[in-house]
């Protein structure tokens, strides 16, 4: 016998500010469902979840919740003003004597229930809201970006918790690994309609692309039919007029059908342009340490970041990732040790707290008010990579329309705010990109594009993220901050770090041998002299100038070969320039390898 659904929405329609959000939307959530709710930023995912939770009343349609079914919703910004501590809020829906439920969840999510609501950070408040939902254990959980503000260890705990629950849940998240591990079905909001597929998020993109491909084919067929009928209407309307008027009306119906089709929103036209190359050494940190109020954040840490490196900082919340990041880019001084920044650095910074945005100002004002983007005497234009561009035209490249351009930033969703910060960053050239939790709230398409931009970026990237899939796709080096001031550098992304750490932990430890009788003291061998020979030292000093010369020659040759008419006009010159370019590129690669080897030897 089939079980009754946990929740049902029938023919839901909703408008905000005159704009339709949903039209005749219907869906069912069954017992045990594990559903990913996906869609573009601004498509209405959070709004739909609030309708499901009964927090937003639709204009039309009905929400059916069977008697006795409990629904829990994780609020993004819960009102905690009536509670003294986060623990009081998290336990507010429990019966007396059930506080242990909150304590268990708090341990997994790594938050302190005794923290006062008045002093709690945004991240602590979100973790308390998540703890409240998990402790109450409703039959249906509605989770809106639950991994935001969680570190990787807490995300893995939550993943394990949800994988064993008997409750149904609907999940909005930007974390691919999290969605892939947990979901068995997908709800996709696209242009006010919801589609459902009985497969998890791992199959979503294949399904989405097939839907769009079929849609494009149907639109093409409809366009051809309209064109043929329109030609007939012009050529054959005079004969058998009465019968032909039926075809004319049918043509009108076809045109109405075509006009009713909502244009699919394209991908954000983001472009990340590197500025002039920085020096070869971008950051040289030697023996840096940092402590706050007696707590050691970092102890005797060293790293050399070279041009083109992609470096991630990972570790639990509160371990000091952002502090280390600020020290590496020169925003904060270490207590001891030195941090030397290379030459010619142009830095672009993505701040996880969105502090660079003025919530009360419009999107337009946030861009045009930036001193580095302002165009003198032209309030409707901004500088985009050195060229004036209309503010609205540029915002449209990031999927904002003219109405949004004049709206206050506070009206944007979290993902839309992230896109606006990316718009500011990408309007300027840079050669060092600093990203502190850039993936929070971004939709799948924007996240994919950001990954591609980072991989193609001809500069250096420093990144703090808890998104395991994103780390695996984008970074070449991982700094793992492990607490007690320890930070270790690993090659590769998150999965590489895990495997290297596992191998190190599994390495056999030699058993201690019984102490032998003291042997007769032997003469101490003279230590082998370390460091560079005189010739190597001289070569290391000469290489930077040689590398700069080769880069300049390559630049000139590339400029020459960019002339599209050179081959036909001067084929011999084209051939010689091509051969010279290949030769200098090979020399540059070999010289770079030599410089790195000598620099590492000198450091040792």
Protein backbone atom coordinates (compact mmCIF):
# COMPACT_ATOMS: atom_id res chain seq x y z
CA UNK A 1 0.00 0.00 0.00
CA UNK A 2 1.40 3.35 -1.06
CA UNK A 3 2.20 5.78 1.72
CA UNK A 4 0.75 9.29 1.75
CA UNK A 5 3.09 12.07 0.57
CA UNK A 6 4.86 14.18 3.18
CA UNK A 7 4.00 17.38 1.32
CA UNK A 8 2.14 18.38 -1.81
CA UNK A 9 1.93 21.67 -3.72
CA UNK A 10 -0.82 22.01 -6.33
CA UNK A 11 -0.95 24.70 -9.04
CA UNK A 12 1.08 27.23 -7.06
CA UNK A 13 1.42 30.72 -8.55
CA UNK A 14 3.32 33.58 -6.95
CA UNK A 15 4.41 37.07 -7.97
CA UNK A 16 6.79 39.51 -6.29
CA UNK A 17 6.65 43.19 -7.25
CA UNK A 18 4.55 42.36 -10.29
CA UNK A 19 7.07 39.81 -11.58
CA UNK A 20 5.95 36.15 -11.75
CA UNK A 21 8.10 33.77 -9.68
CA UNK A 22 6.06 30.58 -10.25
CA UNK A 23 3.07 29.78 -12.44
CA UNK A 24 0.90 26.68 -11.90
CA UNK A 25 3.74 24.90 -10.12
CA UNK A 26 3.03 21.45 -8.65
CA UNK A 27 5.27 19.02 -6.76
CA UNK A 28 5.15 16.12 -4.33
CA UNK A 29 7.66 15.08 -1.64
CA UNK A 30 7.38 11.42 -0.64
CA UNK A 31 8.52 9.74 2.62
CA UNK A 32 12.25 9.05 2.48
CA UNK A 33 12.84 11.43 -0.44
CA UNK A 34 16.33 12.91 -0.65
CA UNK A 35 15.91 15.73 -3.10
CA UNK A 36 18.30 18.32 -4.52
CA UNK A 37 16.54 21.62 -5.30
CA UNK A 38 18.54 23.36 -8.02
CA UNK A 39 18.22 26.41 -10.24
CA UNK A 40 19.89 29.66 -11.14
CA UNK A 41 20.51 32.34 -8.51
CA UNK A 42 17.30 34.37 -8.36
CA UNK A 43 15.18 31.56 -9.87
CA UNK A 44 13.18 31.25 -6.64
CA UNK A 45 14.72 28.25 -4.84
CA UNK A 46 14.61 29.83 -1.38
CA UNK A 47 11.15 31.27 -2.05
CA UNK A 48 9.84 27.86 -3.09
CA UNK A 49 11.32 26.33 0.05
CA UNK A 50 9.52 28.96 2.16
CA UNK A 51 6.25 28.09 0.37
CA UNK A 52 6.91 24.43 1.19
CA UNK A 53 7.53 25.40 4.83
CA UNK A 54 4.29 27.41 4.96
CA UNK A 55 6.17 30.66 5.57
CA UNK A 56 5.13 32.32 2.28
CA UNK A 57 1.51 32.27 1.13
CA UNK A 58 1.13 31.78 -2.64
CA UNK A 59 -1.22 33.96 -4.71
CA UNK A 60 -2.94 30.85 -6.05
CA UNK A 61 -2.88 27.11 -5.42
CA UNK A 62 -2.73 24.96 -2.32
CA UNK A 63 -0.20 23.43 0.06
CA UNK A 64 -1.29 20.06 1.43
CA UNK A 65 0.36 18.75 4.60
CA UNK A 66 -1.10 15.49 5.98
CA UNK A 67 -2.13 15.52 9.67
CA UNK A 68 0.66 14.66 12.08
CA UNK A 69 3.50 15.37 9.62
CA UNK A 70 6.14 17.74 10.99
CA UNK A 71 8.14 19.99 8.66
CA UNK A 72 11.35 21.71 9.75
CA UNK A 73 12.90 24.63 7.87
CA UNK A 74 16.42 25.90 8.40
CA UNK A 75 16.07 29.66 8.32
CA UNK A 76 18.88 31.72 6.77
CA UNK A 77 18.40 34.62 9.22
CA UNK A 78 16.40 33.39 12.23
CA UNK A 79 15.06 35.79 14.86
CA UNK A 80 16.87 34.90 18.10
CA UNK A 81 16.09 38.09 19.99
CA UNK A 82 13.98 36.26 22.59
CA UNK A 83 16.84 33.95 23.61
CA UNK A 84 19.92 34.51 25.75
CA UNK A 85 22.20 31.88 24.19
CA UNK A 86 22.44 29.93 20.95
CA UNK A 87 21.72 26.75 22.91
CA UNK A 88 18.48 28.23 24.28
CA UNK A 89 17.36 28.96 20.71
CA UNK A 90 18.38 25.53 19.40
CA UNK A 91 16.50 23.74 22.21
CA UNK A 92 13.38 25.93 22.05
CA UNK A 93 11.33 23.34 20.13
CA UNK A 94 12.27 20.37 22.34
CA UNK A 95 10.53 18.86 25.34
CA UNK A 96 12.04 19.14 28.81
CA UNK A 97 14.97 16.79 29.27
CA UNK A 98 15.85 16.64 25.56
CA UNK A 99 18.69 19.19 25.66
CA UNK A 100 21.13 16.32 25.04
CA UNK A 101 19.96 16.34 21.41
CA UNK A 102 21.32 19.87 20.96
CA UNK A 103 24.58 18.98 22.72
CA UNK A 104 25.17 16.02 20.38
CA UNK A 105 24.49 18.08 17.26
CA UNK A 106 26.53 21.04 18.56
CA UNK A 107 29.54 18.76 18.93
CA UNK A 108 29.23 17.58 15.33
CA UNK A 109 28.66 21.07 13.91
CA UNK A 110 31.38 22.56 16.13
CA UNK A 111 29.50 25.39 17.73
CA UNK A 112 29.26 26.41 21.36
CA UNK A 113 25.65 26.47 22.69
CA UNK A 114 26.73 28.78 25.53
CA UNK A 115 27.62 31.68 23.18
CA UNK A 116 25.38 34.69 23.82
CA UNK A 117 23.01 35.54 20.99
CA UNK A 118 24.03 39.22 21.26
CA UNK A 119 27.68 38.44 20.43
CA UNK A 120 27.21 35.50 18.03
CA UNK A 121 28.57 35.82 14.49
CA UNK A 122 26.46 35.17 11.41
CA UNK A 123 28.11 31.77 10.99
CA UNK A 124 27.38 30.78 14.60
CA UNK A 125 23.74 31.80 14.19
CA UNK A 126 23.39 29.67 11.06
CA UNK A 127 24.93 26.67 12.81
CA UNK A 128 22.50 27.14 15.69
CA UNK A 129 19.58 27.21 13.22
CA UNK A 130 20.84 23.99 11.64
CA UNK A 131 21.33 22.40 15.08
CA UNK A 132 17.74 23.31 16.01
CA UNK A 133 16.40 21.57 12.92
CA UNK A 134 18.50 18.42 13.37
CA UNK A 135 17.72 18.17 17.09
CA UNK A 136 13.96 18.42 16.45
CA UNK A 137 14.19 15.60 13.82
CA UNK A 138 11.02 16.38 11.80
CA UNK A 139 9.66 13.97 9.17
CA UNK A 140 10.57 16.47 6.44
CA UNK A 141 13.65 18.72 6.60
CA UNK A 142 13.99 21.76 4.34
CA UNK A 143 17.67 22.74 4.21
CA UNK A 144 18.71 25.99 2.50
CA UNK A 145 22.51 26.10 2.04
CA UNK A 146 23.27 24.14 5.24
CA UNK A 147 27.01 23.88 4.49
CA UNK A 148 27.62 27.65 4.46
CA UNK A 149 29.89 28.61 7.39
CA UNK A 150 30.71 24.95 8.12
CA UNK A 151 34.28 23.70 7.87
CA UNK A 152 35.02 20.50 5.96
CA UNK A 153 35.00 18.31 9.07
CA UNK A 154 31.55 19.62 10.07
CA UNK A 155 30.29 19.19 6.49
CA UNK A 156 31.40 15.56 6.56
CA UNK A 157 29.66 15.07 9.93
CA UNK A 158 26.45 16.57 8.52
CA UNK A 159 26.78 14.38 5.42
CA UNK A 160 27.02 11.27 7.62
CA UNK A 161 24.07 12.46 9.74
CA UNK A 162 21.80 13.00 6.74
CA UNK A 163 22.88 9.78 5.04
CA UNK A 164 21.52 7.74 7.97
CA UNK A 165 18.32 9.69 8.71
CA UNK A 166 14.93 8.14 7.98
CA UNK A 167 13.43 11.59 7.41
CA UNK A 168 12.84 13.02 3.97
CA UNK A 169 14.72 16.17 3.02
CA UNK A 170 14.91 18.81 0.32
CA UNK A 171 18.33 20.37 -0.03
CA UNK A 172 19.63 23.59 -1.61
CA UNK A 173 23.43 23.66 -1.76
CA UNK A 174 26.32 24.85 -3.92
CA UNK A 175 28.51 21.98 -2.66
CA UNK A 176 28.70 19.38 -5.44
CA UNK A 177 30.34 16.68 -3.34
CA UNK A 178 27.64 17.11 -0.67
CA UNK A 179 24.80 16.93 -3.21
CA UNK A 180 26.33 13.98 -5.06
CA UNK A 181 26.71 11.98 -1.85
CA UNK A 182 23.20 12.58 -0.48
CA UNK A 183 20.55 13.08 -3.16
CA UNK A 184 18.44 10.51 -5.02
CA UNK A 185 16.12 12.88 -6.89
CA UNK A 186 16.37 16.38 -8.34
CA UNK A 187 13.87 19.24 -8.51
CA UNK A 188 14.94 21.84 -11.06
CA UNK A 189 13.40 25.33 -11.10
CA UNK A 190 13.72 26.87 -14.54
CA UNK A 191 11.78 29.96 -15.63
CA UNK A 192 9.01 29.51 -13.07
CA UNK A 193 8.45 25.81 -13.77
CA UNK A 194 9.63 22.80 -11.76
CA UNK A 195 10.84 19.58 -13.34
CA UNK A 196 11.63 16.42 -11.39
CA UNK A 197 14.06 13.62 -12.20
CA UNK A 198 14.30 10.43 -10.12
CA UNK A 199 18.09 10.58 -10.04
CA UNK A 200 20.46 12.49 -7.79
CA UNK A 201 22.42 15.64 -8.53
CA UNK A 202 25.29 13.68 -10.12
CA UNK A 203 23.08 13.23 -13.24
CA UNK A 204 21.62 16.75 -13.20
CA UNK A 205 23.82 18.45 -15.78
CA UNK A 206 23.37 15.66 -18.34
CA UNK A 207 19.60 15.85 -17.83
CA UNK A 208 19.54 19.66 -17.99
CA UNK A 209 21.55 19.75 -21.22
CA UNK A 210 19.22 17.16 -22.81
CA UNK A 211 16.14 19.19 -21.81
CA UNK A 212 17.64 22.34 -23.30
CA UNK A 213 18.70 20.50 -26.45
CA UNK A 214 15.14 19.16 -26.95
CA UNK A 215 13.74 22.62 -26.22
CA UNK A 216 15.98 24.22 -28.85
CA UNK A 217 14.94 21.58 -31.39
CA UNK A 218 11.23 22.18 -30.72
CA UNK A 219 11.71 25.94 -30.95
CA UNK A 220 13.53 25.52 -34.27
CA UNK A 221 10.68 23.37 -35.64
CA UNK A 222 8.12 25.92 -34.47
CA UNK A 223 10.06 28.77 -36.11
CA UNK A 224 10.18 26.85 -39.41
CA UNK A 225 6.46 26.12 -39.26
CA UNK A 226 5.64 29.78 -38.56
CA UNK A 227 7.85 30.84 -41.47
CA UNK A 228 6.15 28.38 -43.86
CA UNK A 229 2.64 29.36 -42.74
CA UNK A 230 3.47 33.06 -43.00
CA UNK A 231 4.67 32.54 -46.59
CA UNK A 232 1.47 30.67 -47.42
CA UNK A 233 -0.62 33.45 -45.85
CA UNK A 234 0.99 36.02 -48.13
CA UNK A 235 0.76 33.90 -51.30
CA UNK A 236 -2.53 31.98 -50.90
CA UNK A 237 -4.93 34.10 -48.89
CA UNK A 238 -7.08 35.19 -51.82
CA UNK A 239 -8.22 31.73 -52.96
CA UNK A 240 -10.86 29.82 -50.94
CA UNK A 241 -10.89 32.70 -48.46
CA UNK A 242 -13.24 31.14 -45.87
CA UNK A 243 -11.19 27.97 -45.42
CA UNK A 244 -7.95 29.91 -45.49
CA UNK A 245 -8.99 32.16 -42.61
CA UNK A 246 -8.76 29.09 -40.37
CA UNK A 247 -5.10 28.72 -41.31
CA UNK A 248 -4.53 32.42 -40.65
CA UNK A 249 -5.97 32.01 -37.16
CA UNK A 250 -3.77 28.92 -36.68
CA UNK A 251 -0.76 31.02 -37.69
CA UNK A 252 -1.75 33.55 -35.03
CA UNK A 253 -1.91 30.74 -32.48
CA UNK A 254 1.58 29.54 -33.48
CA UNK A 255 2.96 33.05 -33.07
CA UNK A 256 1.29 33.37 -29.68
CA UNK A 257 2.81 30.04 -28.62
CA UNK A 258 6.26 31.23 -29.71
CA UNK A 259 5.87 34.57 -27.92
CA UNK A 260 4.83 32.80 -24.71
CA UNK A 261 8.03 30.82 -24.58
CA UNK A 262 10.29 32.34 -21.93
CA UNK A 263 13.79 32.94 -23.17
CA UNK A 264 16.36 30.84 -21.39
CA UNK A 265 18.82 32.90 -19.39
CA UNK A 266 22.34 32.60 -20.73
CA UNK A 267 25.46 32.03 -18.66
CA UNK A 268 27.15 34.97 -17.02
CA UNK A 269 29.66 36.48 -19.48
CA UNK A 270 32.41 36.62 -16.89
CA UNK A 271 35.97 37.33 -17.94
CA UNK A 272 39.00 37.33 -15.69
CA UNK A 273 41.85 39.26 -17.29
CA UNK A 274 45.33 39.06 -15.86
CA UNK A 275 47.32 42.28 -15.78
CA UNK A 276 51.06 42.65 -16.38
CA UNK A 277 53.04 39.69 -15.10
CA UNK A 278 54.25 39.88 -11.53
CA UNK A 279 57.78 38.95 -10.54
CA UNK A 280 58.61 35.25 -10.43
CA UNK A 281 58.52 35.16 -6.63
CA UNK A 282 55.06 36.31 -5.55
CA UNK A 283 55.16 35.58 -1.81
CA UNK A 284 58.13 34.47 0.25
CA UNK A 285 57.14 33.71 3.86
CA UNK A 286 59.92 32.60 6.21
CA UNK A 287 59.41 31.34 9.75
CA UNK A 288 56.22 33.30 10.41
CA UNK A 289 54.33 32.90 13.70
CA UNK A 290 51.15 34.46 15.09
CA UNK A 291 49.25 34.31 18.37
CA UNK A 292 46.10 35.99 19.72
CA UNK A 293 45.45 36.28 23.46
CA UNK A 294 47.95 33.56 24.20
CA UNK A 295 46.47 31.17 21.60
CA UNK A 296 49.00 30.13 18.95
CA UNK A 297 47.53 30.47 15.45
CA UNK A 298 50.69 29.69 13.51
CA UNK A 299 54.17 28.57 14.46
CA UNK A 300 57.33 28.84 12.34
CA UNK A 301 55.63 28.48 8.94
CA UNK A 302 57.41 29.00 5.63
CA UNK A 303 56.23 28.89 2.03
CA UNK A 304 57.40 30.19 -1.34
CA UNK A 305 54.55 31.04 -3.72
CA UNK A 306 55.69 31.44 -7.31
CA UNK A 307 53.88 33.08 -10.19
CA UNK A 308 51.11 30.84 -11.52
CA UNK A 309 50.67 28.80 -8.33
CA UNK A 310 47.15 28.01 -7.12
CA UNK A 311 47.27 27.69 -3.34
CA UNK A 312 44.37 26.63 -1.08
CA UNK A 313 44.15 27.08 2.69
CA UNK A 314 42.03 24.45 4.45
CA UNK A 315 41.26 23.58 8.05
CA UNK A 316 38.59 23.79 10.76
CA UNK A 317 36.71 27.02 11.45
CA UNK A 318 38.61 29.27 13.84
CA UNK A 319 41.98 27.67 13.13
CA UNK A 320 43.30 30.85 11.49
CA UNK A 321 42.96 30.41 7.71
CA UNK A 322 41.88 34.00 7.08
CA UNK A 323 44.60 35.27 9.43
CA UNK A 324 47.27 33.36 7.51
CA UNK A 325 45.81 34.60 4.23
CA UNK A 326 45.99 38.21 5.45
CA UNK A 327 49.62 37.73 6.52
CA UNK A 328 50.54 36.24 3.15
CA UNK A 329 49.09 39.20 1.22
CA UNK A 330 50.54 41.82 3.58
CA UNK A 331 47.30 42.92 5.29
CA UNK A 332 48.44 41.69 8.70
CA UNK A 333 51.93 41.45 10.19
CA UNK A 334 53.24 38.22 11.74
CA UNK A 335 54.53 38.31 15.33
CA UNK A 336 57.82 36.92 14.08
CA UNK A 337 59.32 35.90 10.76
CA UNK A 338 59.07 37.75 7.48
CA UNK A 339 56.70 37.93 4.51
CA UNK A 340 58.16 39.43 1.34
CA UNK A 341 55.86 40.26 -1.57
CA UNK A 342 57.28 40.14 -5.07
CA UNK A 343 57.46 42.94 -7.59
CA UNK A 344 54.70 44.20 -9.87
CA UNK A 345 51.82 42.68 -7.87
CA UNK A 346 48.25 43.76 -8.72
CA UNK A 347 45.88 42.11 -6.26
CA UNK A 348 42.12 41.46 -6.50
CA UNK A 349 40.35 40.29 -3.33
CA UNK A 350 37.02 38.47 -2.87
CA UNK A 351 35.85 38.95 0.73
CA UNK A 352 33.64 36.21 2.23
CA UNK A 353 31.85 38.77 4.44
CA UNK A 354 30.78 40.86 1.41
CA UNK A 355 32.14 43.85 3.36
CA UNK A 356 33.09 45.62 0.12
CA UNK A 357 29.39 46.05 -0.76
CA UNK A 358 27.16 48.86 0.52
CA UNK A 359 23.82 47.14 1.23
CA UNK A 360 21.85 50.38 1.16
CA UNK A 361 23.26 51.56 -2.17
CA UNK A 362 22.08 50.23 -5.54
CA UNK A 363 24.09 47.85 -7.70
CA UNK A 364 24.73 50.80 -10.03
CA UNK A 365 26.07 52.95 -7.17
CA UNK A 366 28.26 50.14 -5.83
CA UNK A 367 30.07 49.94 -9.17
CA UNK A 368 30.06 53.59 -10.25
CA UNK A 369 31.05 54.69 -6.73
CA UNK A 370 34.27 52.67 -6.79
CA UNK A 371 37.13 55.19 -7.27
CA UNK A 372 39.01 52.72 -9.49
CA UNK A 373 35.98 52.23 -11.76
CA UNK A 374 34.59 55.78 -11.89
CA UNK A 375 34.58 57.60 -15.26
CA UNK A 376 34.94 61.35 -14.73
CA UNK A 377 31.87 63.31 -15.85
CA UNK A 378 29.90 60.19 -16.88
CA UNK A 379 27.69 58.85 -14.09
CA UNK A 380 26.29 56.05 -16.27
CA UNK A 381 29.68 54.59 -17.21
CA UNK A 382 32.39 52.62 -15.44
CA UNK A 383 35.89 51.52 -16.35
CA UNK A 384 36.03 47.84 -17.26
CA UNK A 385 39.59 46.65 -17.75
CA UNK A 386 40.59 50.17 -18.76
CA UNK A 387 37.71 50.80 -21.19
CA UNK A 388 34.53 52.82 -20.45
CA UNK A 389 31.35 50.75 -20.45
CA UNK A 390 27.71 51.45 -19.58
CA UNK A 391 26.91 50.30 -16.03
CA UNK A 392 23.73 48.42 -16.99
CA UNK A 393 25.40 46.80 -19.99
CA UNK A 394 28.17 45.47 -17.77
CA UNK A 395 25.73 44.27 -15.10
CA UNK A 396 23.77 42.38 -17.77
CA UNK A 397 26.91 40.33 -18.44
CA UNK A 398 26.51 39.07 -14.86
CA UNK A 399 22.79 38.28 -15.37
CA UNK A 400 21.39 41.43 -13.69
CA UNK A 401 18.61 43.33 -15.48
CA UNK A 402 18.02 47.10 -15.50
CA UNK A 403 15.45 46.91 -12.68
CA UNK A 404 17.96 45.11 -10.45
CA UNK A 405 20.69 47.61 -11.37
CA UNK A 406 18.71 50.35 -9.60
CA UNK A 407 17.65 48.18 -6.63
CA UNK A 408 19.51 48.18 -3.30
CA UNK A 409 22.08 45.45 -2.76
CA UNK A 410 20.16 44.19 0.28
CA UNK A 411 17.41 42.97 -2.09
CA UNK A 412 19.80 40.46 -3.69
CA UNK A 413 20.13 36.79 -2.79
CA UNK A 414 23.44 35.53 -1.42
CA UNK A 415 24.45 34.18 -4.82
CA UNK A 416 23.57 37.44 -6.55
CA UNK A 417 25.73 39.37 -4.06
CA UNK A 418 28.60 36.99 -4.85
CA UNK A 419 28.11 37.68 -8.57
CA UNK A 420 28.19 41.44 -7.93
CA UNK A 421 31.52 41.14 -6.09
CA UNK A 422 32.87 39.07 -8.98
CA UNK A 423 31.71 41.84 -11.35
CA UNK A 424 33.81 44.36 -9.39
CA UNK A 425 36.85 42.11 -9.30
CA UNK A 426 36.66 41.26 -12.99
CA UNK A 427 36.36 44.91 -14.04
CA UNK A 428 39.99 45.34 -13.04
CA UNK A 429 43.15 43.62 -14.21
CA UNK A 430 45.14 41.68 -11.64
CA UNK A 431 47.91 39.14 -11.38
CA UNK A 432 47.15 37.83 -7.87
CA UNK A 433 43.61 36.67 -7.13
CA UNK A 434 42.64 36.24 -3.46
CA UNK A 435 39.37 34.36 -2.89
CA UNK A 436 37.98 33.88 0.63
CA UNK A 437 35.01 31.45 0.43
CA UNK A 438 33.97 32.47 -3.11
CA UNK A 439 31.64 29.50 -3.71
CA UNK A 440 29.04 30.27 -1.01
CA UNK A 441 25.56 30.65 -2.56
CA UNK A 442 26.69 30.47 -6.21
CA UNK A 443 24.53 28.45 -8.60
CA UNK A 444 25.96 25.49 -10.50
CA UNK A 445 26.42 27.33 -13.80
CA UNK A 446 28.25 30.30 -12.24
CA UNK A 447 30.37 27.93 -10.13
CA UNK A 448 31.40 25.99 -13.25
CA UNK A 449 32.33 29.22 -15.02
CA UNK A 450 34.33 30.47 -12.03
CA UNK A 451 36.27 27.19 -11.96
CA UNK A 452 37.13 27.56 -15.66
CA UNK A 453 38.20 31.19 -15.17
CA UNK A 454 40.51 30.26 -12.28
CA UNK A 455 42.06 27.39 -14.25
CA UNK A 456 42.66 29.67 -17.26
CA UNK A 457 43.82 32.67 -15.18
CA UNK A 458 47.35 33.70 -16.10
CA UNK A 459 48.26 34.72 -12.58
CA UNK A 460 48.54 33.46 -9.01
CA UNK A 461 45.56 32.33 -6.92
CA UNK A 462 45.19 32.15 -3.12
CA UNK A 463 41.98 30.47 -2.05
CA UNK A 464 40.13 29.65 1.17
CA UNK A 465 37.25 27.22 0.63
CA UNK A 466 35.34 24.37 2.26
CA UNK A 467 34.06 23.12 -1.11
CA UNK A 468 35.91 19.84 -1.68
CA UNK A 469 34.98 19.47 -5.34
CA UNK A 470 35.97 23.08 -6.08
CA UNK A 471 39.37 22.56 -4.39
CA UNK A 472 40.05 19.42 -6.40
CA UNK A 473 39.27 21.20 -9.66
CA UNK A 474 41.23 24.41 -9.12
CA UNK A 475 44.31 24.19 -6.87
CA UNK A 476 47.85 22.87 -7.21
CA UNK A 477 49.00 23.27 -3.58
CA UNK A 478 47.14 22.86 -0.28
CA UNK A 479 48.13 24.41 3.06
CA UNK A 480 46.45 22.33 5.77
CA UNK A 481 46.06 24.19 9.06
CA UNK A 482 45.76 21.46 11.67
CA UNK A 483 45.53 23.44 14.94
CA UNK A 484 48.07 24.21 17.68
CA UNK A 485 49.97 26.41 15.24
CA UNK A 486 50.72 23.56 12.82
CA UNK A 487 50.42 24.16 9.08
CA UNK A 488 51.63 21.68 6.47
CA UNK A 489 52.04 22.17 2.72
CA UNK A 490 50.79 19.36 0.43
CA UNK A 491 50.89 19.03 -3.35
CA UNK A 492 47.52 18.99 -5.13
CA UNK A 493 43.92 19.58 -4.05
CA UNK A 494 41.69 18.22 -1.28
CA UNK A 495 41.69 14.56 -2.38
CA UNK A 496 45.48 14.65 -2.85
CA UNK A 497 45.87 16.11 0.65
CA UNK A 498 43.70 13.36 2.16
CA UNK A 499 45.62 10.57 0.43
CA UNK A 500 49.02 12.03 1.40
CA UNK A 501 47.91 12.49 5.01
CA UNK A 502 46.56 8.92 5.10
CA UNK A 503 49.80 7.54 3.67
CA UNK A 504 51.83 9.46 6.24
CA UNK A 505 49.64 8.18 9.08
CA UNK A 506 49.89 4.59 7.81
CA UNK A 507 53.68 4.66 7.42
CA UNK A 508 55.18 1.94 9.68
CA UNK A 509 56.87 3.22 12.81
CA UNK A 510 60.04 1.38 13.75
CA UNK A 511 59.87 -0.28 17.14
CA UNK A 512 62.25 1.19 19.66
CA UNK A 513 65.26 -1.06 20.08
CA UNK A 514 66.64 -1.90 23.53
CA UNK A 515 69.25 0.57 24.59
CA UNK A 516 72.71 -0.71 23.76
CA UNK A 517 75.76 -0.26 25.88
CA UNK A 518 77.39 3.07 25.26
CA UNK A 519 79.91 2.69 22.48
CA UNK A 520 83.29 4.27 22.47
CA UNK A 521 82.91 7.83 21.21
CA UNK A 522 83.90 8.24 17.59
CA UNK A 523 85.27 11.31 15.98
CA UNK A 524 82.42 13.50 14.75
CA UNK A 525 82.33 13.49 10.97
CA UNK A 526 82.71 16.91 9.43
CA UNK A 527 79.28 17.94 8.06
CA UNK A 528 78.98 18.09 4.32
CA UNK A 529 78.85 21.66 3.16
CA UNK A 530 75.32 22.63 2.11
CA UNK A 531 74.13 25.47 -0.10
CA UNK A 532 75.20 26.64 -3.55
CA UNK A 533 78.61 26.50 -5.14
CA UNK A 534 80.16 29.76 -6.33
CA UNK A 535 79.11 29.00 -9.94
CA UNK A 536 75.54 28.10 -8.92
CA UNK A 537 75.21 31.25 -6.81
CA UNK A 538 76.38 33.39 -9.71
CA UNK A 539 73.95 31.59 -12.02
CA UNK A 540 71.01 32.13 -9.61
CA UNK A 541 71.75 35.86 -9.54
CA UNK A 542 71.93 36.06 -13.35
CA UNK A 543 68.81 34.02 -14.14
CA UNK A 544 66.10 36.64 -13.32
CA UNK A 545 67.51 39.06 -15.89
CA UNK A 546 67.76 36.25 -18.45
CA UNK A 547 64.14 35.23 -17.80
CA UNK A 548 62.94 38.82 -18.21
CA UNK A 549 64.87 39.13 -21.47
CA UNK A 550 63.35 35.91 -22.84
CA UNK A 551 59.85 37.00 -21.82
CA UNK A 552 60.32 40.36 -23.54
CA UNK A 553 61.55 38.65 -26.74
CA UNK A 554 58.60 36.24 -26.65
CA UNK A 555 56.23 39.19 -26.26
CA UNK A 556 57.71 40.94 -29.30
CA UNK A 557 57.54 37.78 -31.42
CA UNK A 558 53.94 37.12 -30.39
CA UNK A 559 53.09 40.72 -31.32
CA UNK A 560 54.71 40.26 -34.72
CA UNK A 561 52.91 36.97 -35.38
CA UNK A 562 49.54 38.44 -34.37
CA UNK A 563 49.50 40.29 -37.71
CA UNK A 564 46.99 38.19 -39.76
CA UNK A 565 48.55 39.28 -43.07
CA UNK A 566 52.16 38.48 -42.20
CA UNK A 567 52.10 34.92 -43.60
CA UNK A 568 50.83 35.96 -47.04
CA UNK A 569 52.87 39.17 -47.16
CA UNK A 570 56.22 37.86 -45.89
CA UNK A 571 56.17 34.04 -45.60
CA UNK A 572 59.92 33.76 -44.89
CA UNK A 573 59.74 36.30 -42.08
CA UNK A 574 56.70 34.47 -40.67
CA UNK A 575 58.60 31.15 -40.72
CA UNK A 576 61.68 32.60 -39.00
CA UNK A 577 59.58 34.37 -36.35
CA UNK A 578 57.67 31.15 -35.62
CA UNK A 579 60.90 29.15 -35.23
CA UNK A 580 62.40 31.87 -33.01
CA UNK A 581 59.28 31.91 -30.83
CA UNK A 582 59.39 28.13 -30.29
CA UNK A 583 63.13 28.29 -29.48
CA UNK A 584 62.71 31.07 -26.91
CA UNK A 585 59.70 29.39 -25.30
CA UNK A 586 61.76 26.22 -24.84
CA UNK A 587 64.66 28.25 -23.42
CA UNK A 588 62.29 30.04 -21.04
CA UNK A 589 60.85 26.76 -19.77
CA UNK A 590 64.33 25.30 -19.20
CA UNK A 591 65.55 28.47 -17.47
CA UNK A 592 62.50 28.53 -15.20
CA UNK A 593 63.18 24.92 -14.16
CA UNK A 594 66.82 25.79 -13.50
CA UNK A 595 65.87 28.86 -11.44
CA UNK A 596 63.37 26.88 -9.34
CA UNK A 597 65.91 24.10 -8.66
CA UNK A 598 68.62 26.56 -7.62
CA UNK A 599 66.19 28.62 -5.50
CA UNK A 600 65.04 25.48 -3.65
CA UNK A 601 68.65 24.41 -3.10
CA UNK A 602 69.50 27.85 -1.76
CA UNK A 603 66.50 27.72 0.63
CA UNK A 604 67.63 24.29 1.89
